[in-house]
N, C-alpha and C. Protein backbone atom coordinates (compact mmCIF):
# COMPACT_ATOMS: atom_id res chain seq x y z
N MET A 1 74.09 42.55 -13.47
CA MET A 1 73.37 41.83 -12.37
C MET A 1 73.15 43.24 -11.21
N PHE A 2 73.83 43.89 -10.91
CA PHE A 2 73.99 45.07 -10.33
C PHE A 2 73.37 46.16 -10.82
N TRP A 3 72.21 45.93 -11.68
CA TRP A 3 72.08 47.18 -12.60
C TRP A 3 72.12 48.71 -11.90
N PRO A 4 71.37 49.07 -11.20
CA PRO A 4 71.43 50.72 -10.78
C PRO A 4 72.75 50.87 -10.43
N LEU A 5 74.08 50.14 -9.82
CA LEU A 5 75.33 50.48 -9.50
C LEU A 5 76.23 50.30 -10.70
N SER A 6 76.39 49.23 -11.40
CA SER A 6 77.17 48.64 -12.56
C SER A 6 76.38 48.51 -13.46
N ARG A 7 76.98 48.44 -14.80
CA ARG A 7 76.02 48.24 -16.52
C ARG A 7 76.76 46.44 -16.38
N GLU A 8 77.80 45.94 -15.42
CA GLU A 8 78.69 45.01 -15.89
C GLU A 8 77.55 43.48 -15.49
N GLY A 9 77.69 43.03 -16.65
CA GLY A 9 76.91 41.59 -16.31
C GLY A 9 77.50 40.38 -15.68
N PHE A 10 76.87 39.49 -15.85
CA PHE A 10 77.29 38.60 -14.75
C PHE A 10 77.36 37.29 -15.75
N LEU A 11 77.69 36.64 -15.97
CA LEU A 11 77.40 35.22 -16.56
C LEU A 11 78.68 34.19 -16.43
N PRO A 12 77.59 32.87 -16.15
CA PRO A 12 79.07 31.71 -15.78
C PRO A 12 80.01 31.16 -16.56
N ARG A 13 80.93 30.63 -15.85
CA ARG A 13 81.99 30.79 -17.48
C ARG A 13 82.05 29.71 -18.72
N LEU A 14 80.97 28.79 -18.13
CA LEU A 14 80.54 27.73 -19.11
C LEU A 14 79.16 28.17 -19.32
N HIS A 15 78.63 28.96 -19.78
CA HIS A 15 77.51 29.39 -20.01
C HIS A 15 76.92 29.06 -21.47
N VAL A 16 75.44 28.79 -21.80
CA VAL A 16 74.98 28.61 -23.11
C VAL A 16 74.04 29.95 -23.28
N GLY A 17 74.44 30.88 -24.27
CA GLY A 17 73.68 31.99 -24.65
C GLY A 17 72.22 31.05 -25.13
N LEU A 18 71.30 32.17 -25.46
CA LEU A 18 69.83 32.58 -25.90
C LEU A 18 69.93 31.85 -27.04
N GLU A 19 70.76 31.90 -28.22
CA GLU A 19 70.54 31.65 -29.09
C GLU A 19 71.34 30.45 -29.93
N HIS A 20 71.59 29.64 -28.70
CA HIS A 20 72.20 28.49 -28.55
C HIS A 20 71.44 27.93 -29.39
N PRO A 21 71.68 26.82 -30.80
CA PRO A 21 71.06 25.98 -31.78
C PRO A 21 70.50 24.92 -30.26
N VAL A 22 70.59 24.38 -28.83
CA VAL A 22 69.90 23.56 -28.22
C VAL A 22 68.82 24.51 -27.45
N ASN A 23 69.05 25.54 -27.06
CA ASN A 23 67.87 26.43 -26.68
C ASN A 23 66.88 26.68 -27.74
N LEU A 24 67.56 27.22 -29.28
CA LEU A 24 66.09 27.11 -30.06
C LEU A 24 65.17 26.19 -30.39
N TRP A 25 66.46 24.32 -30.35
CA TRP A 25 65.50 23.60 -30.41
C TRP A 25 64.21 23.26 -29.31
N LEU A 26 64.90 23.62 -28.04
CA LEU A 26 63.92 23.22 -26.90
C LEU A 26 62.95 24.41 -27.28
N ILE A 27 62.67 25.72 -27.56
CA ILE A 27 62.09 26.35 -28.05
C ILE A 27 60.76 25.52 -29.34
N TYR A 28 61.32 25.07 -30.14
CA TYR A 28 60.61 24.08 -31.44
C TYR A 28 60.05 23.42 -30.60
N ALA A 29 60.69 22.87 -29.84
CA ALA A 29 60.07 21.19 -28.94
C ALA A 29 58.90 21.50 -28.02
N GLY A 30 58.97 23.04 -27.24
CA GLY A 30 57.90 23.07 -26.73
C GLY A 30 56.34 23.51 -27.01
N LEU A 31 56.90 24.54 -28.60
CA LEU A 31 55.83 25.01 -29.29
C LEU A 31 55.04 23.47 -29.70
N ALA A 32 56.07 22.63 -30.50
CA ALA A 32 55.49 21.01 -31.27
C ALA A 32 54.75 20.54 -29.46
N ALA A 33 55.22 20.83 -28.65
CA ALA A 33 54.07 19.90 -27.70
C ALA A 33 52.90 20.39 -27.22
N VAL A 34 53.13 21.82 -27.27
CA VAL A 34 51.71 22.79 -26.85
C VAL A 34 50.46 22.37 -28.36
N LEU A 35 51.08 22.30 -29.25
CA LEU A 35 50.31 22.13 -30.54
C LEU A 35 49.44 20.47 -30.34
N GLY A 36 50.58 19.87 -29.65
CA GLY A 36 50.69 18.15 -30.19
C GLY A 36 49.58 17.74 -28.92
N VAL A 37 49.30 18.48 -28.05
CA VAL A 37 48.50 18.57 -27.05
C VAL A 37 46.99 19.05 -27.34
N ALA A 38 47.19 20.15 -27.63
CA ALA A 38 46.11 20.59 -27.99
C ALA A 38 45.23 19.66 -29.66
N LEU A 39 45.75 18.90 -30.10
CA LEU A 39 45.06 18.16 -30.96
C LEU A 39 45.20 16.90 -30.35
N LEU A 40 45.56 16.61 -29.60
CA LEU A 40 45.61 15.06 -29.30
C LEU A 40 44.41 15.05 -27.85
N ARG A 41 44.82 16.14 -26.75
CA ARG A 41 43.87 15.70 -25.72
C ARG A 41 43.08 17.00 -25.76
N LYS A 42 42.58 18.19 -26.30
CA LYS A 42 41.78 19.04 -26.46
C LYS A 42 42.15 20.17 -25.58
N ARG A 43 43.37 20.27 -25.41
CA ARG A 43 43.66 21.25 -24.04
C ARG A 43 44.51 22.41 -24.07
N THR A 44 44.51 23.57 -23.98
CA THR A 44 45.98 24.29 -24.61
C THR A 44 46.16 25.16 -22.94
N PRO A 45 47.03 26.12 -23.03
CA PRO A 45 47.81 26.32 -21.93
C PRO A 45 46.55 27.75 -21.53
N LEU A 46 45.76 28.20 -22.82
CA LEU A 46 44.71 29.18 -22.22
C LEU A 46 44.03 28.46 -20.83
N GLU A 47 43.69 27.22 -20.69
CA GLU A 47 42.86 26.55 -20.11
C GLU A 47 43.08 27.15 -18.60
N MET A 48 44.58 27.11 -18.05
CA MET A 48 44.64 27.97 -17.44
C MET A 48 44.16 29.10 -16.84
N VAL A 49 44.05 30.03 -17.88
CA VAL A 49 43.53 31.54 -17.75
C VAL A 49 42.32 31.49 -17.67
N SER A 50 41.50 30.99 -18.61
CA SER A 50 39.91 30.96 -19.01
C SER A 50 39.55 29.44 -19.45
N PRO A 51 38.93 28.67 -19.09
CA PRO A 51 38.35 27.43 -19.67
C PRO A 51 37.40 27.91 -20.90
N LYS A 52 36.52 29.10 -20.33
CA LYS A 52 35.95 29.21 -21.42
C LYS A 52 36.67 29.92 -22.87
N LEU A 53 38.05 30.31 -22.88
CA LEU A 53 38.44 30.66 -23.88
C LEU A 53 39.16 29.38 -24.64
N ASP A 54 39.73 28.67 -23.49
CA ASP A 54 40.25 27.26 -24.51
C ASP A 54 39.03 26.59 -25.30
N ARG A 55 38.08 26.81 -24.80
CA ARG A 55 36.93 25.83 -25.66
C ARG A 55 36.81 26.28 -27.08
N VAL A 56 36.74 27.74 -26.84
CA VAL A 56 37.13 28.77 -28.25
C VAL A 56 38.15 28.46 -29.17
N ALA A 57 39.50 28.36 -28.64
CA ALA A 57 41.21 28.10 -29.48
C ALA A 57 40.54 26.77 -29.78
N VAL A 58 40.19 25.83 -29.21
CA VAL A 58 40.34 24.32 -29.81
C VAL A 58 39.23 24.16 -30.59
N ALA A 59 38.10 24.65 -30.58
CA ALA A 59 37.38 24.64 -31.60
C ALA A 59 37.39 24.75 -32.86
N LEU A 60 38.56 25.93 -33.03
CA LEU A 60 39.23 26.46 -34.46
C LEU A 60 39.71 25.37 -34.80
N PHE A 61 39.95 24.32 -34.70
CA PHE A 61 40.85 23.38 -35.12
C PHE A 61 40.21 22.26 -35.17
N GLN A 62 38.72 22.06 -34.94
CA GLN A 62 37.82 20.48 -34.60
C GLN A 62 36.85 20.51 -36.34
N ALA A 63 36.10 19.38 -36.11
CA ALA A 63 35.25 19.23 -37.05
C ALA A 63 34.12 20.33 -37.20
N LYS A 64 33.54 20.85 -37.97
CA LYS A 64 32.39 21.63 -38.36
C LYS A 64 31.56 21.13 -39.01
N PRO A 65 30.42 20.57 -38.57
CA PRO A 65 29.38 19.51 -38.54
C PRO A 65 27.96 20.44 -38.83
N LEU A 66 28.18 21.88 -38.48
CA LEU A 66 26.82 22.49 -38.43
C LEU A 66 27.15 23.70 -39.88
N ALA A 67 25.94 24.33 -39.95
CA ALA A 67 25.70 25.63 -40.66
C ALA A 67 25.74 26.79 -40.33
N CYS A 68 26.50 27.79 -40.37
CA CYS A 68 26.23 29.13 -39.75
C CYS A 68 25.07 29.73 -40.62
N PHE A 69 24.39 30.35 -39.32
CA PHE A 69 22.88 30.83 -40.15
C PHE A 69 23.01 31.97 -40.81
N CYS A 70 24.17 32.14 -40.79
CA CYS A 70 24.09 33.94 -41.64
C CYS A 70 25.05 33.54 -42.87
N CYS A 71 26.04 32.48 -43.12
CA CYS A 71 26.36 32.63 -44.61
C CYS A 71 26.38 31.06 -44.78
N GLY A 72 26.28 30.33 -44.09
CA GLY A 72 25.99 28.64 -44.46
C GLY A 72 27.10 28.11 -44.33
N ARG A 73 28.38 28.70 -44.36
CA ARG A 73 30.01 28.21 -44.06
C ARG A 73 29.55 27.06 -42.92
N PRO A 74 30.58 26.27 -42.91
CA PRO A 74 30.53 25.08 -41.89
C PRO A 74 31.11 25.94 -40.51
N ALA A 75 30.11 25.45 -39.76
CA ALA A 75 30.95 25.95 -38.03
C ALA A 75 30.70 25.15 -36.73
N ASN A 76 31.05 25.26 -35.97
CA ASN A 76 31.13 24.00 -34.86
C ASN A 76 30.54 24.94 -33.36
N GLN A 77 30.46 25.89 -33.75
CA GLN A 77 30.16 26.63 -32.21
C GLN A 77 29.00 27.24 -32.28
N ARG A 78 27.71 27.56 -31.20
CA ARG A 78 26.46 27.94 -31.11
C ARG A 78 26.91 29.46 -30.03
N CYS A 79 26.07 30.38 -30.46
CA CYS A 79 25.71 31.70 -30.13
C CYS A 79 25.35 31.19 -28.50
N GLY A 80 26.04 32.02 -27.62
CA GLY A 80 25.82 31.99 -25.88
C GLY A 80 24.58 32.39 -26.16
N ARG A 81 23.96 32.97 -26.40
CA ARG A 81 22.59 33.90 -26.65
C ARG A 81 21.34 33.50 -26.76
N CYS A 82 21.33 32.93 -27.91
CA CYS A 82 19.84 32.46 -28.72
C CYS A 82 20.24 30.80 -29.39
N GLY A 83 21.24 30.54 -28.89
CA GLY A 83 21.97 29.17 -29.67
C GLY A 83 22.20 28.66 -31.00
N ARG A 84 22.15 30.13 -32.05
CA ARG A 84 22.08 29.78 -33.32
C ARG A 84 23.60 29.22 -33.79
N SER A 85 24.11 28.35 -34.62
CA SER A 85 25.32 28.19 -34.91
C SER A 85 26.03 29.15 -35.68
N ILE A 86 27.18 29.37 -35.62
CA ILE A 86 27.70 30.39 -35.94
C ILE A 86 29.24 29.95 -36.37
N CYS A 87 29.79 30.39 -37.88
CA CYS A 87 31.29 30.38 -37.99
C CYS A 87 32.29 31.26 -37.03
N ALA A 88 33.66 31.11 -37.20
CA ALA A 88 34.47 31.88 -36.59
C ALA A 88 34.52 33.44 -37.48
N ARG A 89 33.91 33.59 -38.74
CA ARG A 89 33.61 34.40 -39.32
C ARG A 89 32.69 35.76 -38.98
N HIS A 90 31.70 34.93 -38.16
CA HIS A 90 30.71 35.80 -37.73
C HIS A 90 30.77 35.92 -36.40
N ALA A 91 31.15 34.84 -35.33
CA ALA A 91 31.24 34.98 -33.77
C ALA A 91 31.91 35.68 -33.36
N ARG A 92 31.26 36.46 -32.09
CA ARG A 92 31.84 38.02 -31.28
C ARG A 92 32.19 37.09 -30.02
N LEU A 93 33.27 37.44 -29.85
CA LEU A 93 33.55 37.01 -28.36
C LEU A 93 32.98 37.95 -27.39
N VAL A 94 32.74 37.93 -26.71
CA VAL A 94 31.64 38.80 -25.27
C VAL A 94 32.26 38.31 -24.33
N ARG A 95 31.57 39.44 -23.15
CA ARG A 95 32.02 39.69 -22.29
C ARG A 95 31.99 37.84 -21.49
N GLY A 96 32.90 37.67 -20.61
CA GLY A 96 32.64 36.33 -20.19
C GLY A 96 33.13 34.97 -21.24
N ALA A 97 33.93 35.55 -22.23
CA ALA A 97 34.60 34.89 -23.01
C ALA A 97 33.26 33.92 -23.66
N ASP A 98 31.94 34.26 -24.18
CA ASP A 98 31.23 33.99 -24.71
C ASP A 98 31.04 34.12 -25.69
N LEU A 99 30.49 33.22 -27.09
CA LEU A 99 30.00 33.68 -28.31
C LEU A 99 28.96 34.43 -28.62
N ALA A 100 28.82 35.57 -29.53
CA ALA A 100 27.81 35.48 -29.78
C ALA A 100 27.85 36.33 -31.35
N CYS A 101 26.08 36.02 -31.96
CA CYS A 101 26.12 36.60 -33.14
C CYS A 101 26.02 37.71 -33.33
N PRO A 102 26.22 38.11 -34.65
CA PRO A 102 25.74 39.22 -35.06
C PRO A 102 24.60 39.94 -34.75
N ASP A 103 23.48 39.37 -34.77
CA ASP A 103 21.91 39.98 -34.32
C ASP A 103 21.96 39.73 -32.86
N CYS A 104 22.78 39.36 -31.96
CA CYS A 104 22.19 39.32 -30.40
C CYS A 104 22.56 40.85 -30.32
N PRO A 105 22.36 41.73 -29.55
CA PRO A 105 22.19 43.01 -28.77
C PRO A 105 23.62 43.33 -28.13
N GLU A 106 24.35 42.03 -27.48
CA GLU A 106 25.96 41.89 -26.80
C GLU A 106 26.54 42.18 -28.17
N ALA A 107 26.70 41.68 -29.24
CA ALA A 107 27.27 41.74 -29.95
C ALA A 107 28.01 43.16 -30.69
N ARG A 108 26.54 43.86 -30.60
CA ARG A 108 26.67 44.92 -31.62
C ARG A 108 27.60 46.13 -30.75
N ALA A 109 27.67 46.13 -29.00
CA ALA A 109 28.16 46.80 -28.08
C ALA A 109 29.35 46.65 -28.44
């Protein structure tokens, strides 16, 4: 608590350590809640930072009705530059959290 002056820590008399099972269960419940909201409501904590990046993260777990123009694998994203469908393997995240295909000039840089 007074680190530059003393190395002695301060804990209340009835404290619960971070390794206590109650805290571990709260961590697991928090992770399950984030995953549940992502699956049910199509929202993740990334939305606070970047809505575009949130859409990319949620799309990784959604149905893939399109076919990738490079390899033919199932895809659900489109290139932000040319509009072709791309799978997660060939998509490149470029400036502004946009997706680009390997053929677009922004993806090669």
